[in-house]
């Protein structure tokens, strides 16, 4: 069956039966939709009566909150590649249906709602009583969806049959709810805080439940630079502006009637401790103590306490040994290691083979150990540190130019250059350091190009240029891709002091004289990290190598 980029899933099952249906329905939907799946909840909607159903408001009830959590949890397990968004435009307590002084009309969709991605197919879990109804139900579904949302003119409709017989057997044991669904208490102004890096199921649950609770305003504090310092793989966190953009798009789809305010969070509290209009803060089991701390600060400021609405953490069925059991951004960032983060720049000026990787990283980052692993997998390793020693050898062009520039008092008895004495002459003097690198770096680059040419003659497929100064020396024009290794500064300091026997202050000075991790990652196509056990690094390198082989093969086929 053909795949659609974006679809709407209209769920019609009663709320008390939905938990059993969600996983198989999502699995079926994922066979048809490949990017964005909007979910429209209308329990009890009858698409088979022959008359056209109209969209109506659904009251916010406790069961609905549980269904939304279950839906995002199941989505993470069975169709993690899909961007799932539960739409709440038609969820509202009618008795309180007001927006300022304007009454909301009985129909939640006076005009069809525009969505960020135009739906191409509408799906439903509506069970057919008679196979002959299929055409009528599909037409009814298309008309209903068209009243609610702006859709593609050629909107397709599909009826899903998610293991319906097995479900019916399970559902026989379910009794109809004996009492009326318990209403969910809602609030005028709701607040949450977080990093919101690469929106995932746990974020979406938090945001959806918050939208469900908020009648008027939703205030979101998004962690900015000061709050990111201790995050795992912080270099891979999306820029603040991009995270805000993704939040705004998601919330505009989910509940466009809300007044959404997004503000930078530079400390753990932000506006939550000074805004007198706030009534509720949404927390998880993990952040409940933070919510309690907010209330203590509010009390100090003479403000009423916020209601703490707690949601459950979503379990990550796919987590590895270095990842958290819950769905988290840090786990998602760790899964990016070894993958192609940004497409390679135009390298049409380079011969297609060997495919050259420029591998760099700060001192202590484990760059060279990764280079050796790539060498073991078949790459030609070009050690620029070793080449750096070669260019200083007596008789070379760099040797004579260094002596002319810095004096013959640098010579040892055997006429070799005393690198330590040379280092003292340039230390702390950017102008003199540049004079040295202007001599040495071009000579190293010539040696690198010579080795690459030799590898080409030998029919080698991949070269790895292992170079600490790859970016500073602007050697990126010699490589097809840039790979960067990163570890936290405190870990790098520990490794440098243990490896080189220097003080922490000296190790820190060395790191601060280099490009920062974040600056290097800005130029990276692939990022790796040796922060964890060697076996974890090995798996990263294998993943990166396997993906690289596919890119090289694809490039060869294209040419």
Protein backbone atom coordinates (compact mmCIF):
# COMPACT_ATOMS: atom_id res chain seq x y z
CA UNK A 1 0.00 0.00 0.00
CA UNK A 2 1.30 3.49 -0.84
CA UNK A 3 2.88 5.57 1.91
CA UNK A 4 1.72 9.04 2.87
CA UNK A 5 3.90 11.71 4.46
CA UNK A 6 1.22 13.03 6.83
CA UNK A 7 -2.04 11.57 8.13
CA UNK A 8 -4.83 12.11 10.64
CA UNK A 9 -5.96 9.21 12.81
CA UNK A 10 -9.56 9.62 14.00
CA UNK A 11 -10.07 7.44 17.09
CA UNK A 12 -13.72 6.61 17.72
CA UNK A 13 -13.46 3.87 20.36
CA UNK A 14 -14.85 4.59 23.85
CA UNK A 15 -12.13 5.85 26.20
CA UNK A 16 -12.25 2.78 28.43
CA UNK A 17 -11.44 0.46 25.48
CA UNK A 18 -8.80 2.63 23.83
CA UNK A 19 -5.82 1.49 25.96
CA UNK A 20 -6.09 -1.99 24.39
CA UNK A 21 -6.44 -0.64 20.89
CA UNK A 22 -3.76 2.04 20.78
CA UNK A 23 -0.66 -0.10 20.07
CA UNK A 24 -2.13 -2.18 17.20
CA UNK A 25 -3.87 0.86 15.71
CA UNK A 26 -0.58 2.82 15.74
CA UNK A 27 1.27 -0.15 14.21
CA UNK A 28 -1.28 -0.24 11.39
CA UNK A 29 -1.10 3.53 10.90
CA UNK A 30 2.71 3.36 10.70
CA UNK A 31 2.36 1.09 7.64
CA UNK A 32 0.73 3.98 5.80
CA UNK A 33 2.18 7.20 7.25
CA UNK A 34 5.91 7.89 7.29
CA UNK A 35 6.41 11.31 8.87
CA UNK A 36 3.65 13.06 10.89
CA UNK A 37 0.58 11.42 12.42
CA UNK A 38 -2.04 13.70 13.94
CA UNK A 39 -4.47 12.01 16.35
CA UNK A 40 -8.04 13.31 16.63
CA UNK A 41 -10.01 11.92 19.57
CA UNK A 42 -13.79 11.62 19.23
CA UNK A 43 -14.97 8.68 21.39
CA UNK A 44 -18.36 7.39 20.28
CA UNK A 45 -18.23 8.97 16.82
CA UNK A 46 -20.54 7.00 14.53
CA UNK A 47 -19.36 6.95 10.95
CA UNK A 48 -21.78 4.24 9.85
CA UNK A 49 -25.20 5.76 10.54
CA UNK A 50 -25.62 7.20 7.05
CA UNK A 51 -26.01 10.73 8.36
CA UNK A 52 -23.09 13.16 8.50
CA UNK A 53 -21.69 13.41 12.06
CA UNK A 54 -20.61 16.82 13.24
CA UNK A 55 -17.61 17.66 15.39
CA UNK A 56 -18.51 18.48 18.99
CA UNK A 57 -16.68 19.43 22.16
CA UNK A 58 -15.40 16.55 24.28
CA UNK A 59 -15.13 17.29 28.02
CA UNK A 60 -11.66 16.97 29.58
CA UNK A 61 -11.82 13.92 31.84
CA UNK A 62 -9.21 12.02 33.85
CA UNK A 63 -9.44 9.02 31.49
CA UNK A 64 -8.53 11.25 28.56
CA UNK A 65 -5.32 12.28 30.29
CA UNK A 66 -4.44 8.59 30.83
CA UNK A 67 -5.19 7.76 27.18
CA UNK A 68 -2.89 10.55 25.95
CA UNK A 69 -0.03 9.25 28.13
CA UNK A 70 -0.64 5.70 26.90
CA UNK A 71 -0.76 6.88 23.31
CA UNK A 72 2.62 8.61 23.41
CA UNK A 73 4.17 5.71 25.34
CA UNK A 74 2.93 3.17 22.77
CA UNK A 75 4.01 5.43 19.90
CA UNK A 76 7.58 5.51 21.26
CA UNK A 77 7.59 1.70 21.37
CA UNK A 78 5.91 0.74 18.09
CA UNK A 79 6.45 3.69 15.72
CA UNK A 80 9.25 5.82 17.13
CA UNK A 81 10.02 7.28 13.69
CA UNK A 82 6.62 9.00 13.54
CA UNK A 83 6.01 12.56 14.72
CA UNK A 84 2.79 11.89 16.68
CA UNK A 85 0.67 14.85 17.83
CA UNK A 86 -2.59 14.51 19.77
CA UNK A 87 -4.93 17.36 18.77
CA UNK A 88 -7.05 19.00 21.47
CA UNK A 89 -9.06 21.67 19.63
CA UNK A 90 -12.27 19.73 20.26
CA UNK A 91 -11.51 19.07 23.95
CA UNK A 92 -13.19 21.63 26.21
CA UNK A 93 -15.60 21.76 29.13
CA UNK A 94 -18.64 23.27 27.41
CA UNK A 95 -19.94 24.79 30.61
CA UNK A 96 -16.71 26.76 30.86
CA UNK A 97 -16.32 27.29 27.13
CA UNK A 98 -15.28 30.88 27.04
CA UNK A 99 -12.36 32.80 25.75
CA UNK A 100 -12.16 36.19 27.46
CA UNK A 101 -15.68 37.55 27.07
CA UNK A 102 -16.33 35.68 23.83
CA UNK A 103 -18.38 32.51 24.05
CA UNK A 104 -16.98 29.62 22.05
CA UNK A 105 -19.58 28.28 19.61
CA UNK A 106 -20.88 24.74 20.10
CA UNK A 107 -18.83 23.54 17.14
CA UNK A 108 -15.11 23.50 17.99
CA UNK A 109 -14.30 24.05 14.30
CA UNK A 110 -16.21 27.13 13.05
CA UNK A 111 -13.70 26.96 10.18
CA UNK A 112 -11.32 24.08 9.39
CA UNK A 113 -8.10 24.29 11.41
CA UNK A 114 -4.82 24.64 9.52
CA UNK A 115 -2.08 22.24 10.58
CA UNK A 116 1.68 22.61 10.17
CA UNK A 117 1.76 19.66 7.77
CA UNK A 118 -1.12 19.15 5.36
CA UNK A 119 -2.71 15.70 5.89
CA UNK A 120 -2.85 13.45 2.84
CA UNK A 121 -4.73 10.52 4.37
CA UNK A 122 -7.28 10.06 7.14
CA UNK A 123 -7.38 6.80 9.11
CA UNK A 124 -9.83 5.49 11.67
CA UNK A 125 -10.30 2.63 14.10
CA UNK A 126 -14.08 2.69 13.48
CA UNK A 127 -15.26 -0.95 13.35
CA UNK A 128 -17.40 -1.94 10.37
CA UNK A 129 -20.54 -3.91 11.21
CA UNK A 130 -20.91 -4.88 7.56
CA UNK A 131 -18.12 -4.94 4.91
CA UNK A 132 -20.61 -3.35 2.50
CA UNK A 133 -20.45 -0.19 4.62
CA UNK A 134 -16.82 0.45 3.71
CA UNK A 135 -17.37 3.01 0.92
CA UNK A 136 -20.03 4.91 2.87
CA UNK A 137 -17.87 5.06 6.02
CA UNK A 138 -14.84 6.28 4.07
CA UNK A 139 -16.86 9.08 2.48
CA UNK A 140 -18.32 10.05 5.84
CA UNK A 141 -14.81 10.05 7.38
CA UNK A 142 -13.46 12.32 4.62
CA UNK A 143 -16.30 14.84 5.01
CA UNK A 144 -15.99 14.85 8.81
CA UNK A 145 -12.21 15.41 8.67
CA UNK A 146 -12.63 18.16 6.07
CA UNK A 147 -14.92 20.04 8.46
CA UNK A 148 -12.28 19.86 11.20
CA UNK A 149 -8.99 20.42 9.36
CA UNK A 150 -7.55 21.91 6.19
CA UNK A 151 -6.59 18.80 4.22
CA UNK A 152 -5.13 17.89 0.88
CA UNK A 153 -7.80 18.16 -1.88
CA UNK A 154 -7.07 14.55 -2.80
CA UNK A 155 -7.45 13.28 0.79
CA UNK A 156 -7.44 9.50 0.96
CA UNK A 157 -9.28 7.54 3.63
CA UNK A 158 -8.34 4.18 5.11
CA UNK A 159 -10.09 1.93 7.63
CA UNK A 160 -7.74 0.15 10.02
CA UNK A 161 -8.42 -3.36 11.29
CA UNK A 162 -5.91 -3.79 14.13
CA UNK A 163 -6.20 -7.47 15.02
CA UNK A 164 -9.86 -6.77 15.61
CA UNK A 165 -10.87 -10.31 16.56
CA UNK A 166 -8.14 -10.58 19.21
CA UNK A 167 -9.14 -7.23 20.57
CA UNK A 168 -12.78 -8.23 20.75
CA UNK A 169 -11.85 -11.29 22.78
CA UNK A 170 -9.97 -9.12 25.26
CA UNK A 171 -12.69 -6.51 25.31
CA UNK A 172 -15.35 -9.06 26.26
CA UNK A 173 -13.93 -8.93 29.77
CA UNK A 174 -14.23 -5.16 29.93
CA UNK A 175 -17.35 -3.83 31.57
CA UNK A 176 -18.89 -0.54 30.59
CA UNK A 177 -17.91 2.17 33.08
CA UNK A 178 -20.53 2.18 35.84
CA UNK A 179 -20.21 5.83 36.73
CA UNK A 180 -19.78 8.99 34.76
CA UNK A 181 -16.22 9.82 33.76
CA UNK A 182 -14.45 11.92 36.37
CA UNK A 183 -13.88 15.48 35.10
CA UNK A 184 -10.33 16.78 34.96
CA UNK A 185 -9.80 19.99 36.89
CA UNK A 186 -8.50 22.74 34.62
CA UNK A 187 -6.77 26.03 35.36
CA UNK A 188 -6.57 29.46 33.81
CA UNK A 189 -2.75 29.63 33.74
CA UNK A 190 -0.39 26.64 33.66
CA UNK A 191 3.43 26.56 33.71
CA UNK A 192 6.13 23.99 32.85
CA UNK A 193 9.89 24.13 32.39
CA UNK A 194 12.43 21.99 30.57
CA UNK A 195 15.11 21.73 27.91
CA UNK A 196 12.75 20.49 25.17
CA UNK A 197 15.59 19.26 22.98
CA UNK A 198 14.34 17.22 20.00
CA UNK A 199 10.72 16.82 21.11
CA UNK A 200 10.05 13.19 22.07
CA UNK A 201 7.17 11.23 23.56
CA UNK A 202 7.79 12.36 27.14
CA UNK A 203 7.90 16.02 26.07
CA UNK A 204 4.73 15.60 24.04
CA UNK A 205 2.94 13.96 26.96
CA UNK A 206 3.97 16.83 29.25
CA UNK A 207 2.89 19.44 26.70
CA UNK A 208 -0.39 17.72 25.80
CA UNK A 209 -1.43 17.21 29.42
CA UNK A 210 -0.51 20.84 30.14
CA UNK A 211 -2.65 21.99 27.20
CA UNK A 212 -5.47 19.83 28.53
CA UNK A 213 -5.19 21.53 31.93
CA UNK A 214 -4.79 25.10 30.65
CA UNK A 215 -7.90 27.12 29.75
CA UNK A 216 -6.27 30.45 28.94
CA UNK A 217 -2.47 30.66 29.09
CA UNK A 218 0.40 28.20 28.93
CA UNK A 219 3.80 29.51 30.13
CA UNK A 220 6.89 27.48 29.19
CA UNK A 221 10.40 28.09 30.52
CA UNK A 222 13.00 26.70 28.10
CA UNK A 223 16.52 26.09 29.45
CA UNK A 224 19.08 28.48 28.01
CA UNK A 225 22.90 28.38 28.15
CA UNK A 226 23.38 28.64 31.92
CA UNK A 227 21.04 25.68 32.48
CA UNK A 228 22.72 23.41 29.91
CA UNK A 229 26.23 23.19 31.38
CA UNK A 230 25.75 19.81 33.09
CA UNK A 231 23.67 18.16 30.36
CA UNK A 232 25.02 14.98 28.76
CA UNK A 233 26.35 15.71 25.24
CA UNK A 234 25.31 19.34 25.64
CA UNK A 235 27.12 20.13 22.37
CA UNK A 236 24.37 18.27 20.49
CA UNK A 237 21.49 20.19 22.11
CA UNK A 238 19.59 22.14 19.48
CA UNK A 239 19.93 25.95 19.57
CA UNK A 240 17.42 27.75 21.82
CA UNK A 241 15.72 29.42 18.83
CA UNK A 242 15.15 26.08 17.08
CA UNK A 243 13.76 24.45 20.24
CA UNK A 244 11.33 27.37 20.66
CA UNK A 245 10.31 27.15 17.00
CA UNK A 246 9.53 23.41 17.32
CA UNK A 247 7.52 24.05 20.52
CA UNK A 248 5.47 26.80 18.91
CA UNK A 249 4.67 24.65 15.89
CA UNK A 250 3.62 21.68 18.04
CA UNK A 251 1.43 23.76 20.36
CA UNK A 252 -0.20 25.67 17.50
CA UNK A 253 -1.30 22.32 16.08
CA UNK A 254 -2.37 20.82 19.41
CA UNK A 255 -4.40 23.71 20.87
CA UNK A 256 -4.38 26.92 18.80
CA UNK A 257 -6.80 28.71 21.17
CA UNK A 258 -4.19 28.82 23.99
CA UNK A 259 -2.14 31.90 24.71
CA UNK A 260 1.35 30.35 24.67
CA UNK A 261 4.30 32.22 26.22
CA UNK A 262 7.80 30.79 25.87
CA UNK A 263 10.61 32.39 27.88
CA UNK A 264 14.31 31.55 28.39
CA UNK A 265 15.13 29.78 31.66
CA UNK A 266 18.44 30.89 33.17
CA UNK A 267 17.87 29.40 36.63
CA UNK A 268 15.73 26.51 37.98
CA UNK A 269 12.75 28.78 38.80
CA UNK A 270 12.26 31.49 36.19
CA UNK A 271 8.86 33.19 36.08
CA UNK A 272 7.18 30.40 38.08
CA UNK A 273 8.12 32.07 41.41
CA UNK A 274 7.08 35.64 40.51
CA UNK A 275 4.02 35.34 38.24
CA UNK A 276 0.89 35.90 40.39
CA UNK A 277 -1.53 34.60 37.74
CA UNK A 278 -0.12 31.06 37.61
CA UNK A 279 -2.29 28.37 39.19
CA UNK A 280 -0.77 25.02 38.24
CA UNK A 281 2.67 23.57 37.47
CA UNK A 282 2.95 20.24 35.65
CA UNK A 283 5.74 17.97 36.96
CA UNK A 284 6.87 14.36 36.64
CA UNK A 285 7.83 11.92 39.39
CA UNK A 286 11.41 13.08 38.76
CA UNK A 287 10.75 16.84 38.92
CA UNK A 288 8.18 16.90 41.72
CA UNK A 289 10.80 18.13 44.22
CA UNK A 290 11.53 21.01 41.85
CA UNK A 291 7.83 21.88 41.88
CA UNK A 292 7.82 21.84 45.68
CA UNK A 293 10.87 24.15 45.66
CA UNK A 294 8.95 26.53 43.38
CA UNK A 295 6.14 26.70 45.93
CA UNK A 296 8.57 27.46 48.76
CA UNK A 297 9.97 30.37 46.73
CA UNK A 298 6.44 31.57 45.91
CA UNK A 299 5.60 31.57 49.62
CA UNK A 300 8.71 33.67 50.28
CA UNK A 301 7.46 36.09 47.61
CA UNK A 302 3.97 36.24 49.16
CA UNK A 303 2.33 34.33 46.29
CA UNK A 304 -0.16 31.44 46.54
CA UNK A 305 1.14 27.91 46.03
CA UNK A 306 0.73 26.25 42.63
CA UNK A 307 -1.22 23.02 42.23
CA UNK A 308 1.30 20.28 41.41
CA UNK A 309 -0.13 18.08 38.66
CA UNK A 310 2.11 15.01 38.39
CA UNK A 311 2.45 12.89 35.25
CA UNK A 312 4.23 9.55 35.00
CA UNK A 313 7.59 9.15 33.29
CA UNK A 314 7.45 7.18 30.04
CA UNK A 315 9.61 4.06 29.95
CA UNK A 316 12.04 3.68 27.03
CA UNK A 317 11.70 0.15 25.69
CA UNK A 318 14.78 0.63 23.48
CA UNK A 319 17.29 2.05 25.99
CA UNK A 320 20.88 0.75 26.02
CA UNK A 321 23.35 0.31 28.87
CA UNK A 322 24.47 3.97 28.71
CA UNK A 323 20.94 5.37 28.44
CA UNK A 324 18.26 6.15 30.99
CA UNK A 325 15.30 3.81 31.49
CA UNK A 326 12.93 6.70 30.84
CA UNK A 327 12.47 8.36 27.46
CA UNK A 328 14.90 11.29 27.58
CA UNK A 329 16.68 13.81 25.37
CA UNK A 330 20.09 12.67 26.60
CA UNK A 331 19.35 9.14 25.35
CA UNK A 332 18.26 10.50 21.98
CA UNK A 333 21.44 12.57 21.77
CA UNK A 334 23.58 9.50 22.53
CA UNK A 335 21.87 7.72 19.62
CA UNK A 336 23.02 10.49 17.30
CA UNK A 337 26.67 9.58 17.95
CA UNK A 338 28.17 8.01 14.84
CA UNK A 339 25.31 9.12 12.58
CA UNK A 340 25.45 11.80 9.87
CA UNK A 341 24.22 14.95 11.64
CA UNK A 342 24.70 17.32 8.70
CA UNK A 343 25.23 16.45 5.02
CA UNK A 344 28.79 16.81 3.72
CA UNK A 345 29.63 20.08 1.99
CA UNK A 346 30.31 20.20 -1.75
CA UNK A 347 33.55 18.28 -2.32
CA UNK A 348 33.39 18.07 -6.11
CA UNK A 349 36.96 19.50 -6.20
CA UNK A 350 38.22 16.30 -4.51
CA UNK A 351 38.69 12.93 -6.23
CA UNK A 352 35.85 10.58 -5.16
CA UNK A 353 38.33 7.99 -3.79
CA UNK A 354 39.77 7.55 -1.36
CA UNK A 355 36.95 9.08 0.68
CA UNK A 356 38.73 11.23 3.26
CA UNK A 357 37.54 11.68 6.84
CA UNK A 358 39.00 14.55 8.84
CA UNK A 359 38.97 13.40 12.49
CA UNK A 360 39.54 15.97 15.21
CA UNK A 361 38.78 16.69 18.86
CA UNK A 362 40.14 18.36 21.96
CA UNK A 363 43.06 17.07 24.02
CA UNK A 364 42.10 13.92 25.93
CA UNK A 365 38.99 13.31 23.80
CA UNK A 366 40.11 9.89 22.59
CA UNK A 367 40.46 11.03 18.99
CA UNK A 368 43.54 8.93 18.25
CA UNK A 369 42.07 5.76 19.77
CA UNK A 370 39.08 6.17 17.44
CA UNK A 371 41.46 6.74 14.51
CA UNK A 372 43.22 3.45 15.34
CA UNK A 373 39.86 1.63 15.45
CA UNK A 374 38.99 3.03 12.02
CA UNK A 375 42.41 1.89 10.80
CA UNK A 376 41.65 -1.62 12.05
CA UNK A 377 38.42 -1.54 10.02
CA UNK A 378 40.34 -0.78 6.82
CA UNK A 379 40.96 2.97 6.70
CA UNK A 380 44.38 4.46 5.97
CA UNK A 381 45.29 6.47 9.07
CA UNK A 382 47.24 9.69 8.54
CA UNK A 383 48.70 10.77 11.90
CA UNK A 384 49.24 14.54 11.65
CA UNK A 385 50.98 14.68 15.03
CA UNK A 386 53.63 12.34 13.63
CA UNK A 387 53.84 14.38 10.42
CA UNK A 388 54.28 17.49 12.58
CA UNK A 389 57.50 16.02 13.93
CA UNK A 390 58.71 15.12 10.44
CA UNK A 391 58.44 18.68 9.09
CA UNK A 392 60.92 19.88 11.74
CA UNK A 393 63.60 17.41 10.63
CA UNK A 394 66.92 18.89 9.44
CA UNK A 395 66.99 19.62 5.73
CA UNK A 396 63.26 20.24 5.35
CA UNK A 397 61.81 23.54 4.12
CA UNK A 398 60.09 24.17 7.47
CA UNK A 399 63.35 23.47 9.37
CA UNK A 400 65.21 26.29 7.60
CA UNK A 401 62.30 28.75 7.79
CA UNK A 402 61.82 28.13 11.56
CA UNK A 403 65.50 28.84 12.22
CA UNK A 404 65.34 32.01 10.12
CA UNK A 405 62.23 33.21 11.98
CA UNK A 406 63.05 32.16 15.55
CA UNK A 407 66.88 31.92 15.69
CA UNK A 408 69.54 29.22 15.62
CA UNK A 409 69.70 29.15 19.44
CA UNK A 410 66.83 26.63 19.17
CA UNK A 411 69.20 23.90 17.93
CA UNK A 412 70.19 20.88 19.98
CA UNK A 413 73.72 19.48 19.72
CA UNK A 414 72.62 17.09 16.99
CA UNK A 415 71.27 20.05 14.97
CA UNK A 416 67.61 19.11 15.59
CA UNK A 417 65.16 21.79 16.70
CA UNK A 418 64.46 21.90 20.43
CA UNK A 419 60.64 21.85 20.32
CA UNK A 420 60.37 22.75 24.02
CA UNK A 421 62.51 25.87 23.56
CA UNK A 422 60.49 26.80 20.48
CA UNK A 423 57.29 26.40 22.47
CA UNK A 424 58.53 28.86 25.09
CA UNK A 425 59.17 31.47 22.38
CA UNK A 426 55.59 31.36 21.11
CA UNK A 427 53.71 30.60 24.35
CA UNK A 428 51.16 33.32 25.13
CA UNK A 429 52.11 35.35 22.04
CA UNK A 430 49.44 34.95 19.38
CA UNK A 431 51.45 36.83 16.75
CA UNK A 432 54.54 34.62 17.16
CA UNK A 433 52.40 31.49 17.34
CA UNK A 434 50.76 32.42 14.04
CA UNK A 435 54.19 33.00 12.48
CA UNK A 436 55.10 29.42 13.47
CA UNK A 437 51.87 27.79 12.29
CA UNK A 438 52.07 29.70 8.98
CA UNK A 439 55.36 27.87 8.39
CA UNK A 440 54.48 24.42 9.72
CA UNK A 441 50.82 23.82 8.83
CA UNK A 442 51.19 24.15 5.02
CA UNK A 443 54.10 21.69 5.10
CA UNK A 444 52.04 19.15 7.06
CA UNK A 445 49.17 19.62 4.57
CA UNK A 446 51.51 18.79 1.68
CA UNK A 447 52.53 15.54 3.40
CA UNK A 448 48.85 14.67 4.02
CA UNK A 449 48.00 15.21 0.35
CA UNK A 450 50.95 13.07 -0.68
CA UNK A 451 49.78 10.16 1.51
CA UNK A 452 46.21 10.49 0.18
CA UNK A 453 47.56 10.35 -3.41
CA UNK A 454 49.56 7.24 -2.57
CA UNK A 455 46.45 5.63 -1.04
CA UNK A 456 44.56 6.42 -4.26
CA UNK A 457 47.23 4.68 -6.34
CA UNK A 458 46.95 1.64 -4.07
CA UNK A 459 43.15 1.54 -4.54
CA UNK A 460 42.31 2.37 -0.93
CA UNK A 461 38.69 3.32 -0.22
CA UNK A 462 38.93 5.45 2.95
CA UNK A 463 41.56 7.68 4.59
CA UNK A 464 41.32 9.17 8.09
CA UNK A 465 43.24 12.38 8.70
CA UNK A 466 43.87 12.30 12.48
CA UNK A 467 44.47 16.00 13.18
CA UNK A 468 44.00 17.99 16.40
CA UNK A 469 44.23 21.26 14.40
CA UNK A 470 42.11 20.17 11.43
CA UNK A 471 39.70 23.08 11.84
CA UNK A 472 42.13 25.72 13.07
CA UNK A 473 44.46 24.99 10.13
CA UNK A 474 41.55 25.10 7.63
CA UNK A 475 42.39 21.63 6.33
CA UNK A 476 38.72 20.87 5.73
CA UNK A 477 39.23 21.49 2.01
CA UNK A 478 41.26 18.23 1.95
CA UNK A 479 38.48 16.05 3.41
CA UNK A 480 35.02 14.87 2.39
CA UNK A 481 33.64 14.80 5.95
CA UNK A 482 34.59 16.18 9.37
CA UNK A 483 34.26 13.87 12.38
CA UNK A 484 34.63 15.34 15.90
CA UNK A 485 35.17 13.55 19.21
CA UNK A 486 33.84 15.20 22.37
CA UNK A 487 34.01 14.60 26.10
CA UNK A 488 33.11 16.95 28.99
CA UNK A 489 35.85 19.38 30.03
CA UNK A 490 36.15 17.90 33.55
CA UNK A 491 36.72 14.41 32.09
CA UNK A 492 39.31 15.79 29.65
CA UNK A 493 41.18 17.49 32.52
CA UNK A 494 41.27 14.21 34.47
CA UNK A 495 42.61 12.29 31.45
CA UNK A 496 45.27 14.89 30.60
CA UNK A 497 46.60 15.08 34.17
CA UNK A 498 46.80 11.28 34.41
CA UNK A 499 48.32 10.84 30.94
CA UNK A 500 50.83 13.72 30.88
CA UNK A 501 51.54 14.25 34.58
CA UNK A 502 50.61 17.95 34.48
CA UNK A 503 48.57 19.96 36.96
CA UNK A 504 44.84 20.54 36.57
CA UNK A 505 45.53 24.21 35.90
CA UNK A 506 47.94 23.33 33.08
CA UNK A 507 45.45 20.84 31.60
CA UNK A 508 42.71 23.45 31.73
CA UNK A 509 44.95 26.05 30.04
CA UNK A 510 45.71 23.56 27.29
CA UNK A 511 42.01 22.91 26.68
CA UNK A 512 41.12 26.60 26.73
CA UNK A 513 43.77 27.34 24.09
CA UNK A 514 41.92 24.97 21.71
CA UNK A 515 38.59 25.32 19.99
CA UNK A 516 35.71 24.47 22.34
CA UNK A 517 33.67 21.31 21.82
CA UNK A 518 30.66 23.37 20.77
CA UNK A 519 32.64 25.31 18.17
CA UNK A 520 34.08 22.09 16.72
CA UNK A 521 30.67 20.40 16.62
CA UNK A 522 29.36 23.33 14.53
CA UNK A 523 31.67 22.07 11.75
CA UNK A 524 31.01 18.34 12.30
CA UNK A 525 29.24 15.95 9.98
CA UNK A 526 29.61 13.13 12.51
CA UNK A 527 30.16 13.33 16.29
CA UNK A 528 31.60 10.58 18.50
CA UNK A 529 32.34 10.37 22.23
CA UNK A 530 34.64 8.18 24.31
CA UNK A 531 32.95 9.16 27.57
CA UNK A 532 31.75 5.64 28.33
CA UNK A 533 33.30 2.16 28.40
CA UNK A 534 35.55 1.14 25.45
CA UNK A 535 32.89 -1.31 24.24
CA UNK A 536 30.39 1.57 23.90
CA UNK A 537 32.93 3.54 21.84
CA UNK A 538 33.58 0.48 19.68
CA UNK A 539 29.86 0.19 18.89
CA UNK A 540 29.74 3.89 17.97
CA UNK A 541 32.70 3.50 15.64
CA UNK A 542 31.22 0.41 14.00
CA UNK A 543 27.93 2.25 13.45
CA UNK A 544 29.75 5.25 12.01
CA UNK A 545 31.85 2.99 9.75
CA UNK A 546 28.87 1.00 8.46
CA UNK A 547 26.93 4.17 7.67
CA UNK A 548 30.03 5.64 5.99
CA UNK A 549 30.35 2.57 3.74
CA UNK A 550 26.78 3.11 2.56
CA UNK A 551 27.48 6.78 1.79
CA UNK A 552 30.66 5.92 -0.14
CA UNK A 553 28.83 3.19 -2.10
CA UNK A 554 25.93 5.54 -2.89
CA UNK A 555 28.37 8.22 -4.04
CA UNK A 556 30.13 5.76 -6.35
CA UNK A 557 26.83 4.61 -7.84
CA UNK A 558 25.76 8.22 -8.43
CA UNK A 559 28.96 8.88 -10.35
